[in-house]
Amino acid sequence: MSDARLTLGTVGAPSRGFPEAEFATRTEKAQALMAQQGLHGMLLLTEPEVRYFSGFHTLFWQSPTRPWFLFVPATGKPIAIIPEIGAELMRQTWIEDIRTWSAPAPSDDGISLLTELLSPLAQSGGRLGVLKGHETNLRMPLGDYERLMSSLRGMEVADATGLVRALRMVKSEAEIEKLAHICGIGSRTFGEVPQLAREGLPFEDLFRLFRREALFQGADDVPYLVGGADQGGYHDVISPPSPRPLQRGDIFMLDTGATWDGYYCDFDRNWAIGHADDASRRAYDVLWRATEAGIEAARPGTTCRDLFHAMQSVIAELDDQGGDVGRLGHGLGMQLTEWPSHAAFDDTVIEENMVLTFEPSLSYGDGRIMVHEENIVVRADGAKLLTQRAATELPVI
């Protein structure tokens, strides 16, 4: 492979990271919402939120050993309370107040530092925002959290999920540029699949080839890759690959979440090996048109429920249950899936600069399923594709 091929993904790439003004703007918007909701501070414990407000970007979160904390005060810059091992990297961000301890320390993993920081709130009867809602997690030992709260009597703990969600759902232009870049990398990688896949190739080997191709195209990582393959159609969409060789008559799907500078693409593509049966061709056509209906409906002022019904009305031509997966797409950004959900239960109003996936699915034949997915950004005049649109007919390799 030539050196030119190895640098393909770096051509025209956005700048990595963000200027300090990006984080200052995010923090100021959060503080304005905090004031409206009567919050005197906000404690963040999970990787996307800590990174969103600080720029602290590391794979070290994959280790569950150490907790990490970021406190957003009512005014001023956030304060980091982190293990000493992360101090040098945190100093490269815009954060100035960095308080550390030698971790792991199971008897006191940052609890004393947090107690010292939050005691003024407790003494004044202040309100602390934490994330309590759907799609959130604690990311610290429950026992430590209970011990911290017991030492801060007088402080009210309020749910800040909606506040943070409202900020993260609407992307800045700098975020959209990164998302467009990784979606372009994903699209080029999918474009190479007809040259990678062939009859007789073990499905697990295709996964390896796809990951390698994505890295050649410029992805930083491919942490998410699932798929399915079987005669006349696959039966689930979240499986790791099997060693079973691809066979003539197989319908197969690959669904990837590749990353660049901490931002994800998330979309899939379908193919047939040798020939495609009529049922799979029809399922593909219905899903392509359902996706188109979602894209056409996506504009500021509509709701996620509206998008769901736009897609579901087409899916019902073949499957009135819509594959029974619960939703037909979601938000996208620093996480593979983000709020909101395109579902009958979600009345989130679509806003300009939201980045969304459309992922209609259906059941057909004897227990077979198919999914189809694209990534878009919502602009004032409607949706703009970030991914290269899938072929209108089921491609045959």
Protein backbone atom coordinates (compact mmCIF):
# COMPACT_ATOMS: atom_id res chain seq x y z
CA MET A 1 0.00 0.00 0.00
CA SER A 2 1.39 3.36 -1.02
CA ASP A 3 2.20 6.24 1.31
CA ALA A 4 -0.42 8.28 -0.56
CA ARG A 5 -3.08 5.75 0.43
CA LEU A 6 -2.02 5.92 4.08
CA THR A 7 -2.50 9.70 4.17
CA LEU A 8 -5.83 9.63 2.33
CA GLY A 9 -7.89 10.30 5.44
CA THR A 10 -5.89 13.36 6.52
CA VAL A 11 -6.57 15.40 3.39
CA GLY A 12 -8.97 18.24 4.17
CA ALA A 13 -9.40 17.15 7.77
CA PRO A 14 -10.68 19.74 10.29
CA SER A 15 -8.43 20.93 13.10
CA ARG A 16 -8.34 18.63 16.08
CA GLY A 17 -9.72 19.86 19.37
CA PHE A 18 -11.55 23.15 19.86
CA PRO A 19 -10.48 26.72 20.62
CA GLU A 20 -11.01 27.90 24.21
CA ALA A 21 -13.95 30.01 23.05
CA GLU A 22 -15.91 26.84 22.26
CA PHE A 23 -15.71 25.65 25.86
CA ALA A 24 -16.33 29.14 27.24
CA THR A 25 -19.52 29.37 25.18
CA ARG A 26 -20.73 25.94 26.30
CA THR A 27 -20.08 26.82 29.94
CA GLU A 28 -21.78 30.21 29.70
CA LYS A 29 -24.86 28.64 28.12
CA ALA A 30 -24.94 26.02 30.88
CA GLN A 31 -24.60 28.67 33.58
CA ALA A 32 -27.45 30.69 32.09
CA LEU A 33 -29.68 27.62 32.20
CA MET A 34 -28.47 26.84 35.72
CA ALA A 35 -29.53 30.31 36.84
CA GLN A 36 -32.98 29.81 35.28
CA GLN A 37 -33.37 26.51 37.11
CA GLY A 38 -32.00 27.74 40.42
CA LEU A 39 -28.88 25.58 40.38
CA HIS A 40 -25.79 26.82 42.22
CA GLY A 41 -23.45 24.26 40.70
CA MET A 42 -23.36 21.12 38.59
CA LEU A 43 -21.32 17.97 39.20
CA LEU A 44 -20.41 15.90 36.13
CA LEU A 45 -19.04 12.37 36.39
CA THR A 46 -19.21 10.79 32.94
CA GLU A 47 -16.80 10.99 30.01
CA PRO A 48 -18.91 12.83 27.40
CA GLU A 49 -19.98 15.54 29.84
CA VAL A 50 -16.51 16.01 31.32
CA ARG A 51 -15.08 16.25 27.80
CA TYR A 52 -17.87 18.53 26.58
CA PHE A 53 -17.10 21.21 29.14
CA SER A 54 -13.33 20.73 29.50
CA GLY A 55 -11.86 19.26 26.31
CA PHE A 56 -10.29 16.44 28.37
CA HIS A 57 -10.06 13.63 25.81
CA THR A 58 -8.52 10.29 26.74
CA LEU A 59 -9.18 6.57 26.32
CA PHE A 60 -8.27 6.11 29.98
CA TRP A 61 -12.00 6.17 30.77
CA GLN A 62 -12.09 2.56 29.60
CA SER A 63 -10.52 1.63 32.92
CA PRO A 64 -13.23 1.49 35.63
CA THR A 65 -10.70 1.85 38.45
CA ARG A 66 -10.68 5.64 38.87
CA PRO A 67 -13.56 8.15 39.07
CA TRP A 68 -13.26 11.58 37.43
CA PHE A 69 -15.22 14.70 38.37
CA LEU A 70 -15.87 18.12 36.86
CA PHE A 71 -17.72 20.84 38.76
CA VAL A 72 -19.42 23.65 36.86
CA PRO A 73 -19.92 26.61 39.24
CA ALA A 74 -22.58 29.28 38.89
CA THR A 75 -19.93 31.59 37.40
CA GLY A 76 -16.38 31.10 36.16
CA LYS A 77 -14.52 28.15 34.69
CA PRO A 78 -15.23 24.54 35.63
CA ILE A 79 -13.11 22.89 38.31
CA ALA A 80 -11.54 19.46 37.76
CA ILE A 81 -11.29 16.95 40.62
CA ILE A 82 -9.34 14.09 39.06
CA PRO A 83 -6.72 11.41 39.74
CA GLU A 84 -3.16 12.72 39.60
CA ILE A 85 -2.44 10.51 36.58
CA GLY A 86 -4.64 12.83 34.49
CA ALA A 87 -3.29 16.15 35.72
CA GLU A 88 -0.82 16.74 32.89
CA LEU A 89 -3.42 16.11 30.19
CA MET A 90 -6.01 18.25 31.98
CA ARG A 91 -3.49 21.11 32.15
CA GLN A 92 -3.49 21.12 28.34
CA THR A 93 -7.18 22.11 28.37
CA TRP A 94 -8.67 25.49 29.29
CA ILE A 95 -9.27 24.30 32.89
CA GLU A 96 -7.09 26.12 35.44
CA ASP A 97 -8.34 24.84 38.82
CA ILE A 98 -7.25 21.19 38.90
CA ARG A 99 -7.43 19.31 42.20
CA THR A 100 -5.93 15.84 42.31
CA TRP A 101 -5.37 12.85 44.53
CA SER A 102 -3.23 9.74 44.25
CA ALA A 103 -5.57 7.11 42.81
CA PRO A 104 -6.78 4.47 43.13
CA ALA A 105 -7.54 5.05 46.80
CA PRO A 106 -10.59 2.94 47.66
CA SER A 107 -10.91 4.50 51.12
CA ASP A 108 -11.02 8.05 49.70
CA ASP A 109 -11.22 8.27 45.91
CA GLY A 110 -11.64 12.02 45.67
CA ILE A 111 -14.42 12.17 48.27
CA SER A 112 -12.54 14.48 50.64
CA LEU A 113 -11.76 16.87 47.78
CA LEU A 114 -15.38 16.86 46.65
CA THR A 115 -16.63 17.40 50.19
CA GLU A 116 -14.33 20.39 50.60
CA LEU A 117 -15.46 21.85 47.27
CA LEU A 118 -19.19 21.34 47.83
CA SER A 119 -19.44 22.16 51.53
CA PRO A 120 -20.22 25.86 50.89
CA LEU A 121 -23.25 24.76 48.85
CA ALA A 122 -24.43 22.54 51.71
CA GLN A 123 -23.92 25.27 54.27
CA SER A 124 -25.97 27.76 52.25
CA GLY A 125 -28.70 25.28 51.33
CA GLY A 126 -27.73 25.42 47.69
CA ARG A 127 -28.93 23.22 44.82
CA LEU A 128 -26.47 20.92 43.03
CA GLY A 129 -27.31 19.55 39.59
CA VAL A 130 -26.36 15.99 38.68
CA LEU A 131 -27.45 13.76 35.81
CA LYS A 132 -30.22 11.41 36.97
CA GLY A 133 -32.24 10.72 33.85
CA HIS A 134 -32.45 8.28 30.97
CA GLU A 135 -29.15 7.46 29.20
CA THR A 136 -27.07 8.61 32.20
CA ASN A 137 -25.04 6.71 34.77
CA LEU A 138 -23.26 7.45 38.04
CA ARG A 139 -19.67 6.40 37.08
CA MET A 140 -18.53 6.29 40.72
CA PRO A 141 -19.13 3.70 43.43
CA LEU A 142 -22.66 4.00 44.82
CA GLY A 143 -21.22 3.69 48.33
CA ASP A 144 -18.92 6.66 47.72
CA TYR A 145 -21.82 8.71 46.35
CA GLU A 146 -23.94 7.92 49.41
CA ARG A 147 -21.05 8.81 51.71
CA LEU A 148 -20.52 12.10 49.87
CA MET A 149 -24.18 13.05 50.10
CA SER A 150 -24.36 12.16 53.81
CA SER A 151 -21.51 14.61 54.46
CA LEU A 152 -23.30 17.41 52.60
CA ARG A 153 -26.59 17.61 54.48
CA GLY A 154 -28.47 20.78 53.68
CA MET A 155 -27.61 20.63 49.98
CA GLU A 156 -30.41 19.78 47.56
CA VAL A 157 -29.53 17.50 44.64
CA ALA A 158 -31.54 18.27 41.51
CA ASP A 159 -31.73 16.55 38.12
CA ALA A 160 -29.70 18.39 35.47
CA THR A 161 -30.26 15.83 32.70
CA GLY A 162 -32.52 18.08 30.66
CA LEU A 163 -30.13 21.01 30.96
CA VAL A 164 -27.11 19.12 29.65
CA ARG A 165 -29.16 17.26 27.07
CA ALA A 166 -30.50 20.52 25.61
CA LEU A 167 -26.95 21.82 25.16
CA ARG A 168 -25.45 18.66 23.69
CA MET A 169 -28.31 17.93 21.26
CA VAL A 170 -27.62 21.12 19.28
CA LYS A 171 -24.13 21.05 17.76
CA SER A 172 -21.78 23.93 17.08
CA GLU A 173 -20.41 24.40 13.57
CA ALA A 174 -17.06 23.07 14.77
CA GLU A 175 -18.73 19.88 16.01
CA ILE A 176 -20.68 19.50 12.77
CA GLU A 177 -17.44 19.81 10.80
CA LYS A 178 -15.94 16.89 12.74
CA LEU A 179 -19.10 14.82 12.32
CA ALA A 180 -19.16 15.50 8.58
CA HIS A 181 -15.52 14.42 8.38
CA ILE A 182 -16.01 11.07 10.11
CA CYS A 183 -19.19 10.42 8.12
CA GLY A 184 -17.17 11.01 4.95
CA ILE A 185 -14.56 8.52 6.16
CA GLY A 186 -17.30 5.99 6.89
CA SER A 187 -18.87 6.54 3.48
CA ARG A 188 -15.58 5.97 1.68
CA THR A 189 -14.98 2.83 3.72
CA PHE A 190 -18.39 1.42 2.83
CA GLY A 191 -17.61 2.29 -0.78
CA GLU A 192 -14.72 -0.19 -0.68
CA VAL A 193 -16.80 -3.12 0.63
CA PRO A 194 -17.57 -4.54 -2.87
CA GLN A 195 -13.79 -4.88 -3.34
CA LEU A 196 -13.36 -6.45 0.12
CA ALA A 197 -16.27 -8.90 0.28
CA ARG A 198 -16.55 -12.04 -1.81
CA GLU A 199 -18.16 -15.45 -1.80
CA GLY A 200 -16.18 -17.79 0.46
CA LEU A 201 -14.72 -15.05 2.69
CA PRO A 202 -15.34 -15.73 6.39
CA PHE A 203 -17.60 -13.01 7.74
CA GLU A 204 -15.21 -12.33 10.62
CA ASP A 205 -12.43 -11.67 8.09
CA LEU A 206 -14.62 -9.09 6.36
CA PHE A 207 -14.93 -7.30 9.72
CA ARG A 208 -11.14 -7.19 10.01
CA LEU A 209 -10.79 -5.89 6.46
CA PHE A 210 -13.44 -3.24 7.07
CA ARG A 211 -11.74 -1.99 10.24
CA ARG A 212 -8.39 -1.83 8.46
CA GLU A 213 -9.95 0.06 5.55
CA ALA A 214 -11.58 2.58 7.89
CA LEU A 215 -8.22 3.26 9.52
CA PHE A 216 -6.60 3.69 6.09
CA GLN A 217 -9.36 6.13 5.18
CA GLY A 218 -8.51 8.24 8.22
CA ALA A 219 -10.62 7.01 11.15
CA ASP A 220 -8.98 7.17 14.56
CA ASP A 221 -10.75 4.00 15.68
CA VAL A 222 -13.64 1.66 14.87
CA PRO A 223 -14.97 0.84 18.34
CA TYR A 224 -18.34 -0.30 17.00
CA LEU A 225 -18.84 -2.75 14.15
CA VAL A 226 -21.69 -5.25 14.06
CA GLY A 227 -23.61 -7.00 11.34
CA GLY A 228 -25.42 -10.03 10.09
CA ALA A 229 -25.27 -12.41 7.14
CA ASP A 230 -27.40 -15.37 6.10
CA GLN A 231 -29.23 -16.93 3.19
CA GLY A 232 -32.01 -14.63 2.04
CA GLY A 233 -31.52 -12.25 4.96
CA TYR A 234 -30.03 -11.88 8.42
CA HIS A 235 -31.81 -12.44 11.72
CA ASP A 236 -30.27 -9.91 14.12
CA VAL A 237 -28.35 -6.64 13.87
CA ILE A 238 -26.05 -6.54 16.91
CA SER A 239 -23.99 -9.70 16.54
CA PRO A 240 -20.24 -10.03 16.49
CA PRO A 241 -19.07 -11.74 13.31
CA SER A 242 -19.12 -15.50 12.82
CA PRO A 243 -16.45 -17.53 10.98
CA ARG A 244 -19.13 -18.71 8.53
CA PRO A 245 -18.04 -17.96 4.93
CA LEU A 246 -20.19 -15.67 2.85
CA GLN A 247 -22.29 -17.69 0.41
CA ARG A 248 -24.12 -17.00 -2.83
CA GLY A 249 -27.62 -15.83 -1.90
CA ASP A 250 -26.53 -14.26 1.39
CA ILE A 251 -27.83 -10.86 2.39
CA PHE A 252 -25.37 -9.15 4.69
CA MET A 253 -25.21 -5.91 6.63
CA LEU A 254 -22.40 -3.98 8.31
CA ASP A 255 -23.15 -1.23 10.85
CA THR A 256 -20.25 0.92 11.99
CA GLY A 257 -19.52 3.55 14.59
CA ALA A 258 -16.11 4.87 13.59
CA THR A 259 -14.57 7.87 15.33
CA TRP A 260 -12.45 10.90 14.51
CA ASP A 261 -11.29 13.30 17.23
CA GLY A 262 -13.87 11.87 19.61
CA TYR A 263 -16.91 12.16 17.30
CA TYR A 264 -18.85 9.26 15.79
CA CYS A 265 -20.50 8.30 12.57
CA ASP A 266 -23.19 5.64 12.90
CA PHE A 267 -24.71 4.05 9.82
CA ASP A 268 -25.02 0.75 7.97
CA ARG A 269 -25.16 -0.69 4.50
CA ASN A 270 -26.67 -3.86 2.98
CA TRP A 271 -25.46 -6.08 0.15
CA ALA A 272 -26.27 -9.39 -1.50
CA ILE A 273 -23.72 -12.01 -2.54
CA GLY A 274 -24.24 -13.27 -6.10
CA HIS A 275 -27.93 -12.50 -6.31
CA ALA A 276 -30.70 -10.99 -4.20
CA ASP A 277 -34.09 -12.64 -3.65
CA ASP A 278 -37.26 -10.68 -4.37
CA ALA A 279 -38.29 -10.41 -0.70
CA SER A 280 -34.99 -8.81 0.27
CA ARG A 281 -35.12 -6.45 -2.69
CA ARG A 282 -38.57 -5.31 -1.65
CA ALA A 283 -37.54 -4.90 2.02
CA TYR A 284 -34.59 -2.79 0.92
CA ASP A 285 -36.80 -0.60 -1.28
CA VAL A 286 -39.28 0.00 1.54
CA LEU A 287 -36.52 0.95 3.96
CA TRP A 288 -34.82 3.24 1.44
CA ARG A 289 -38.09 5.10 0.94
CA ALA A 290 -38.80 5.16 4.68
CA THR A 291 -35.41 6.76 5.24
CA GLU A 292 -36.19 9.28 2.51
CA ALA A 293 -39.46 10.12 4.25
CA GLY A 294 -37.60 10.77 7.49
CA ILE A 295 -35.03 12.96 5.76
CA GLU A 296 -37.74 14.99 4.01
CA ALA A 297 -39.63 15.49 7.31
CA ALA A 298 -36.60 16.61 9.32
CA ARG A 299 -36.72 20.36 9.74
CA PRO A 300 -36.82 22.75 12.69
CA GLY A 301 -40.15 22.68 14.51
CA THR A 302 -41.08 19.07 13.78
CA THR A 303 -40.82 16.48 16.54
CA CYS A 304 -39.09 13.13 16.83
CA ARG A 305 -42.56 11.60 16.97
CA ASP A 306 -43.29 13.20 13.59
CA LEU A 307 -40.12 11.66 12.14
CA PHE A 308 -41.06 8.27 13.57
CA HIS A 309 -44.52 8.36 11.99
CA ALA A 310 -43.14 9.58 8.65
CA MET A 311 -40.88 6.53 8.46
CA GLN A 312 -43.35 4.11 10.02
CA SER A 313 -46.04 4.97 7.48
CA VAL A 314 -43.76 3.64 4.72
CA ILE A 315 -42.54 0.64 6.72
CA ALA A 316 -46.17 -0.39 7.25
CA GLU A 317 -46.35 -1.32 3.56
CA LEU A 318 -44.43 -4.44 4.52
CA ASP A 319 -44.25 -4.61 8.32
CA ASP A 320 -46.71 -2.81 10.58
CA GLN A 321 -44.45 -3.44 13.60
CA GLY A 322 -41.40 -1.69 12.15
CA GLY A 323 -39.05 -4.43 13.27
CA ASP A 324 -40.14 -3.88 16.90
CA VAL A 325 -36.81 -2.24 17.86
CA GLY A 326 -38.48 0.61 19.75
CA ARG A 327 -37.13 3.55 17.76
CA LEU A 328 -36.13 4.45 14.21
CA GLY A 329 -33.06 6.58 14.84
CA HIS A 330 -31.44 8.86 17.38
CA GLY A 331 -29.03 11.70 18.06
CA LEU A 332 -25.34 11.44 17.21
CA GLY A 333 -22.18 13.15 18.40
CA MET A 334 -19.55 12.33 21.01
CA GLN A 335 -21.45 9.11 21.64
CA LEU A 336 -22.58 6.47 19.19
CA THR A 337 -26.16 7.08 20.26
CA GLU A 338 -27.36 10.25 21.92
CA TRP A 339 -30.70 11.78 22.82
CA PRO A 340 -33.27 12.13 21.26
CA SER A 341 -35.02 9.01 19.93
CA HIS A 342 -37.22 8.86 16.84
CA ALA A 343 -40.02 7.04 18.59
CA ALA A 344 -43.71 7.40 19.28
CA PHE A 345 -42.96 8.37 22.88
CA ASP A 346 -40.48 11.19 22.10
CA ASP A 347 -41.92 14.67 21.58
CA THR A 348 -38.52 16.40 21.41
CA VAL A 349 -38.75 19.36 19.04
CA ILE A 350 -36.17 19.28 16.25
CA GLU A 351 -33.86 22.29 16.22
CA GLU A 352 -31.42 23.66 13.69
CA ASN A 353 -27.94 22.06 13.94
CA MET A 354 -29.10 18.83 15.52
CA VAL A 355 -27.21 15.82 14.11
CA LEU A 356 -29.43 12.77 13.78
CA THR A 357 -29.51 9.25 12.44
CA PHE A 358 -32.42 7.72 10.58
CA GLU A 359 -32.54 3.98 11.14
CA PRO A 360 -35.78 2.37 9.99
CA SER A 361 -36.02 -1.41 10.29
CA LEU A 362 -38.53 -4.09 9.44
CA SER A 363 -39.23 -7.80 9.68
CA TYR A 364 -40.00 -9.88 6.61
CA GLY A 365 -40.10 -13.47 5.43
CA ASP A 366 -39.39 -16.21 7.96
CA GLY A 367 -37.94 -14.21 10.85
CA ARG A 368 -35.60 -12.11 8.72
CA ILE A 369 -34.95 -8.44 9.44
CA MET A 370 -33.34 -5.54 7.63
CA VAL A 371 -32.13 -2.12 8.77
CA HIS A 372 -31.10 0.96 6.84
CA GLU A 373 -29.33 4.01 8.32
CA GLU A 374 -28.14 7.48 7.31
CA ASN A 375 -26.70 10.47 9.24
CA ILE A 376 -27.93 14.04 8.70
CA VAL A 377 -27.60 17.54 10.12
CA VAL A 378 -30.74 19.66 10.41
CA ARG A 379 -30.42 23.10 8.83
CA ALA A 380 -32.92 25.95 8.67
CA ASP A 381 -34.28 24.70 5.33
CA GLY A 382 -34.25 20.99 6.20
CA ALA A 383 -31.93 18.01 6.42
CA LYS A 384 -28.48 17.80 4.86
CA LEU A 385 -26.91 14.37 4.45
CA LEU A 386 -23.58 13.81 6.19
CA THR A 387 -23.30 10.28 4.79
CA GLN A 388 -23.18 9.40 1.12
CA ARG A 389 -26.72 8.18 0.38
CA ALA A 390 -27.06 4.43 -0.04
CA ALA A 391 -27.84 2.97 -3.46
CA THR A 392 -31.53 3.04 -4.38
CA GLU A 393 -31.52 -0.73 -5.02
CA LEU A 394 -29.97 -3.54 -2.98
CA PRO A 395 -26.37 -3.83 -4.29
CA VAL A 396 -25.19 -7.24 -5.47
CA ILE A 397 -21.54 -8.29 -5.13
